[in-house]
C-alpha atoms as a PDB file:
ATOM      1  CA  GLN A   1      11.637 -15.513  -7.776  1.00  0.00           C
ATOM      2  CA  VAL A   2      12.022 -12.593  -5.402  1.00  0.00           C
ATOM      3  CA  GLN A   3       9.626 -11.538  -2.672  1.00  0.00           C
ATOM      4  CA  LEU A   4       9.562  -7.939  -1.491  1.00  0.00           C
ATOM      5  CA  VAL A   5       7.904  -6.995   1.794  1.00  0.00           C
ATOM      6  CA  GLU A   6       7.324  -3.364   2.721  1.00  0.00           C
ATOM      7  CA  SER A   7       6.761  -2.011   6.188  1.00  0.00           C
ATOM      8  CA  GLY A   8       6.804   1.274   8.049  1.00  0.00           C
ATOM      9  CA  GLY A   9       3.762   3.044   6.677  1.00  0.00           C
ATOM     10  CA  GLY A  10       1.208   4.776   8.851  1.00  0.00           C
ATOM     11  CA  LEU A  11      -0.487   8.009   9.778  1.00  0.00           C
ATOM     12  CA  VAL A  12       1.702  11.062  10.361  1.00  0.00           C
ATOM     13  CA  GLN A  13       1.057  14.767  10.753  1.00  0.00           C
ATOM     14  CA  PRO A  14       2.268  17.268   8.151  1.00  0.00           C
ATOM     15  CA  GLY A  15       5.921  18.029   8.732  1.00  0.00           C
ATOM     16  CA  GLY A  16       6.528  14.651  10.298  1.00  0.00           C
ATOM     17  CA  SER A  17       8.764  11.772   9.245  1.00  0.00           C
ATOM     18  CA  LEU A  18       8.457   8.095   8.415  1.00  0.00           C
ATOM     19  CA  ARG A  19      10.918   5.458   7.325  1.00  0.00           C
ATOM     20  CA  LEU A  20       9.746   2.746   4.962  1.00  0.00           C
ATOM     21  CA  SER A  21      11.566  -0.569   4.676  1.00  0.00           C
ATOM     22  CA  CYS A  22      11.574  -3.110   1.880  1.00  0.00           C
ATOM     23  CA  ALA A  23      13.013  -6.510   2.689  1.00  0.00           C
ATOM     24  CA  ALA A  24      14.024  -8.714  -0.237  1.00  0.00           C
ATOM     25  CA  SER A  25      13.927 -12.495   0.060  1.00  0.00           C
ATOM     26  CA  ARG A  26      17.440 -12.774  -1.314  1.00  0.00           C
ATOM     27  CA  ASN A  27      20.471 -10.658  -2.117  1.00  0.00           C
ATOM     28  CA  ILE A  28      19.752  -8.932  -5.409  1.00  0.00           C
ATOM     29  CA  PHE A  29      21.112  -5.461  -4.853  1.00  0.00           C
ATOM     30  CA  SER A  30      24.269  -6.063  -6.886  1.00  0.00           C
ATOM     31  CA  ILE A  31      22.197  -6.760  -9.991  1.00  0.00           C
ATOM     32  CA  ALA A  32      18.927  -4.911  -9.405  1.00  0.00           C
ATOM     33  CA  ASN A  33      17.766  -1.347  -9.521  1.00  0.00           C
ATOM     34  CA  MET A  34      15.536  -0.803  -6.508  1.00  0.00           C
ATOM     35  CA  GLY A  35      12.798   1.763  -6.536  1.00  0.00           C
ATOM     36  CA  TRP A  36      10.043   3.209  -4.412  1.00  0.00           C
ATOM     37  CA  TYR A  37       6.835   4.078  -6.223  1.00  0.00           C
ATOM     38  CA  ARG A  38       3.612   5.533  -4.937  1.00  0.00           C
ATOM     39  CA  GLN A  39       0.026   5.638  -6.064  1.00  0.00           C
ATOM     40  CA  ALA A  40      -2.532   8.061  -4.727  1.00  0.00           C
ATOM     41  CA  PRO A  41      -6.278   7.512  -5.222  1.00  0.00           C
ATOM     42  CA  GLY A  42      -7.300   8.330  -8.768  1.00  0.00           C
ATOM     43  CA  LYS A  43      -3.725   8.838  -9.909  1.00  0.00           C
ATOM     44  CA  GLU A  44      -1.190   6.770 -11.778  1.00  0.00           C
ATOM     45  CA  ARG A  45       1.663   5.052 -10.016  1.00  0.00           C
ATOM     46  CA  GLU A  46       4.762   7.243 -10.042  1.00  0.00           C
ATOM     47  CA  LEU A  47       8.427   6.724  -9.314  1.00  0.00           C
ATOM     48  CA  VAL A  48       9.509   8.425  -6.099  1.00  0.00           C
ATOM     49  CA  ALA A  49      13.112   7.317  -5.667  1.00  0.00           C
ATOM     50  CA  LEU A  50      15.557   4.914  -7.251  1.00  0.00           C
ATOM     51  CA  ILE A  51      18.851   3.378  -6.231  1.00  0.00           C
ATOM     52  CA  THR A  52      20.756   1.552  -8.935  1.00  0.00           C
ATOM     53  CA  SER A  53      22.830  -1.588  -8.580  1.00  0.00           C
ATOM     54  CA  GLY A  54      25.854   0.696  -8.651  1.00  0.00           C
ATOM     55  CA  GLY A  55      24.529   2.836  -5.824  1.00  0.00           C
ATOM     56  CA  SER A  56      23.439   5.923  -7.758  1.00  0.00           C
ATOM     57  CA  THR A  57      20.232   7.579  -6.626  1.00  0.00           C
ATOM     58  CA  ASN A  58      17.504   9.556  -8.358  1.00  0.00           C
ATOM     59  CA  TYR A  59      14.437  11.302  -7.004  1.00  0.00           C
ATOM     60  CA  ALA A  60      11.209  12.750  -8.269  1.00  0.00           C
ATOM     61  CA  ASP A  61      11.301  16.550  -8.207  1.00  0.00           C
ATOM     62  CA  SER A  62       8.432  16.582  -5.731  1.00  0.00           C
ATOM     63  CA  VAL A  63      10.481  14.784  -3.054  1.00  0.00           C
ATOM     64  CA  LYS A  64      14.007  16.049  -3.657  1.00  0.00           C
ATOM     65  CA  GLY A  65      15.573  17.320  -0.459  1.00  0.00           C
ATOM     66  CA  ARG A  66      12.917  15.596   1.687  1.00  0.00           C
ATOM     67  CA  PHE A  67      13.237  11.877   0.883  1.00  0.00           C
ATOM     68  CA  THR A  68      16.322   9.687   0.952  1.00  0.00           C
ATOM     69  CA  ILE A  69      16.649   6.188  -0.476  1.00  0.00           C
ATOM     70  CA  SER A  70      19.310   3.871   0.890  1.00  0.00           C
ATOM     71  CA  ARG A  71      20.059   0.187   1.207  1.00  0.00           C
ATOM     72  CA  ASP A  72      21.671  -2.237   3.621  1.00  0.00           C
ATOM     73  CA  ASN A  73      23.238  -5.047   1.615  1.00  0.00           C
ATOM     74  CA  ALA A  74      23.800  -7.216   4.691  1.00  0.00           C
ATOM     75  CA  LYS A  75      20.084  -7.084   5.530  1.00  0.00           C
ATOM     76  CA  ASN A  76      18.800  -7.231   1.927  1.00  0.00           C
ATOM     77  CA  THR A  77      16.744  -4.165   2.790  1.00  0.00           C
ATOM     78  CA  VAL A  78      16.054  -0.887   1.029  1.00  0.00           C
ATOM     79  CA  TYR A  79      14.821   2.129   2.955  1.00  0.00           C
ATOM     80  CA  LEU A  80      12.975   5.310   2.148  1.00  0.00           C
ATOM     81  CA  GLN A  81      13.433   8.014   4.749  1.00  0.00           C
ATOM     82  CA  MET A  82      10.673  10.578   4.349  1.00  0.00           C
ATOM     83  CA  ASN A  83      10.976  13.919   6.108  1.00  0.00           C
ATOM     84  CA  SER A  84       8.894  17.096   6.015  1.00  0.00           C
ATOM     85  CA  LEU A  85       5.911  15.096   4.873  1.00  0.00           C
ATOM     86  CA  LYS A  86       3.056  16.869   3.139  1.00  0.00           C
ATOM     87  CA  PRO A  87      -0.593  15.855   2.657  1.00  0.00           C
ATOM     88  CA  GLU A  88       0.152  15.345  -1.029  1.00  0.00           C
ATOM     89  CA  ASP A  89       2.579  12.569  -0.081  1.00  0.00           C
ATOM     90  CA  THR A  90      -0.408  10.476   0.961  1.00  0.00           C
ATOM     91  CA  ALA A  91      -0.410   7.302  -1.127  1.00  0.00           C
ATOM     92  CA  VAL A  92       0.263   3.603  -1.136  1.00  0.00           C
ATOM     93  CA  TYR A  93       4.020   3.150  -1.441  1.00  0.00           C
ATOM     94  CA  TYR A  94       5.403   0.175  -3.342  1.00  0.00           C
ATOM     95  CA  CYS A  95       8.870  -1.310  -3.482  1.00  0.00           C
ATOM     96  CA  ASN A  96      10.121  -2.435  -6.887  1.00  0.00           C
ATOM     97  CA  ALA A  97      13.054  -4.491  -8.083  1.00  0.00           C
ATOM     98  CA  HIS A  98      14.103  -4.418 -11.713  1.00  0.00           C
ATOM     99  CA  MET A  99      16.901  -6.551 -13.125  1.00  0.00           C
ATOM    100  CA  ILE A 100      18.115  -8.186 -16.306  1.00  0.00           C
ATOM    101  CA  ILE A 101      19.029 -11.855 -16.073  1.00  0.00           C
ATOM    102  CA  LEU A 102      20.249 -13.723 -19.142  1.00  0.00           C
ATOM    103  CA  SER A 103      18.954 -10.898 -21.354  1.00  0.00           C
ATOM    104  CA  THR A 104      15.497 -11.147 -19.800  1.00  0.00           C
ATOM    105  CA  GLN A 105      13.987  -8.277 -17.850  1.00  0.00           C
ATOM    106  CA  ARG A 106      12.517  -9.274 -14.531  1.00  0.00           C
ATOM    107  CA  GLU A 107      10.456  -7.046 -12.290  1.00  0.00           C
ATOM    108  CA  TYR A 108       9.056  -7.647  -8.835  1.00  0.00           C
ATOM    109  CA  TRP A 109       6.693  -5.626  -6.638  1.00  0.00           C
ATOM    110  CA  GLY A 110       5.877  -5.598  -2.988  1.00  0.00           C
ATOM    111  CA  GLN A 111       2.327  -5.532  -1.666  1.00  0.00           C
ATOM    112  CA  GLY A 112       2.436  -1.841  -0.761  1.00  0.00           C
ATOM    113  CA  THR A 113       2.231   0.112   2.462  1.00  0.00           C
ATOM    114  CA  GLN A 114      -0.157   2.980   3.142  1.00  0.00           C
ATOM    115  CA  VAL A 115       1.225   6.395   4.072  1.00  0.00           C
ATOM    116  CA  THR A 116      -1.289   8.991   5.213  1.00  0.00           C
ATOM    117  CA  VAL A 117      -0.226  12.556   5.988  1.00  0.00           C
ATOM    118  CA  SER A 118      -2.979  14.400   7.797  1.00  0.00           C
ATOM    119  CA  SER A 119      -3.598  16.548  10.816  1.00  0.00           C
END
């Protein structure tokens, strides 16, 4: 079992920045793809950014050039640096871990952290 705990959300003005953190209860980064998802009211949950076990990164088109995903293996923590925030970035942001262990897919979610971009 893996617990994921997000932090760092809040209220920020358009153009501002926030850094989200996702702390994992144990070291899984060598075997897990870690992702940040978001869900706005009335919309489906969408993938924002992904960092694979090998360290490759991918981003949704809507956040490319503004958001950066990274990880600190020593701290078992994944980060999402969000710059040039827009009102449409307002959502609950979730951390996700996806891995395959003994041919079985396992997926874990954090509880979510609210990000509100508003003047």
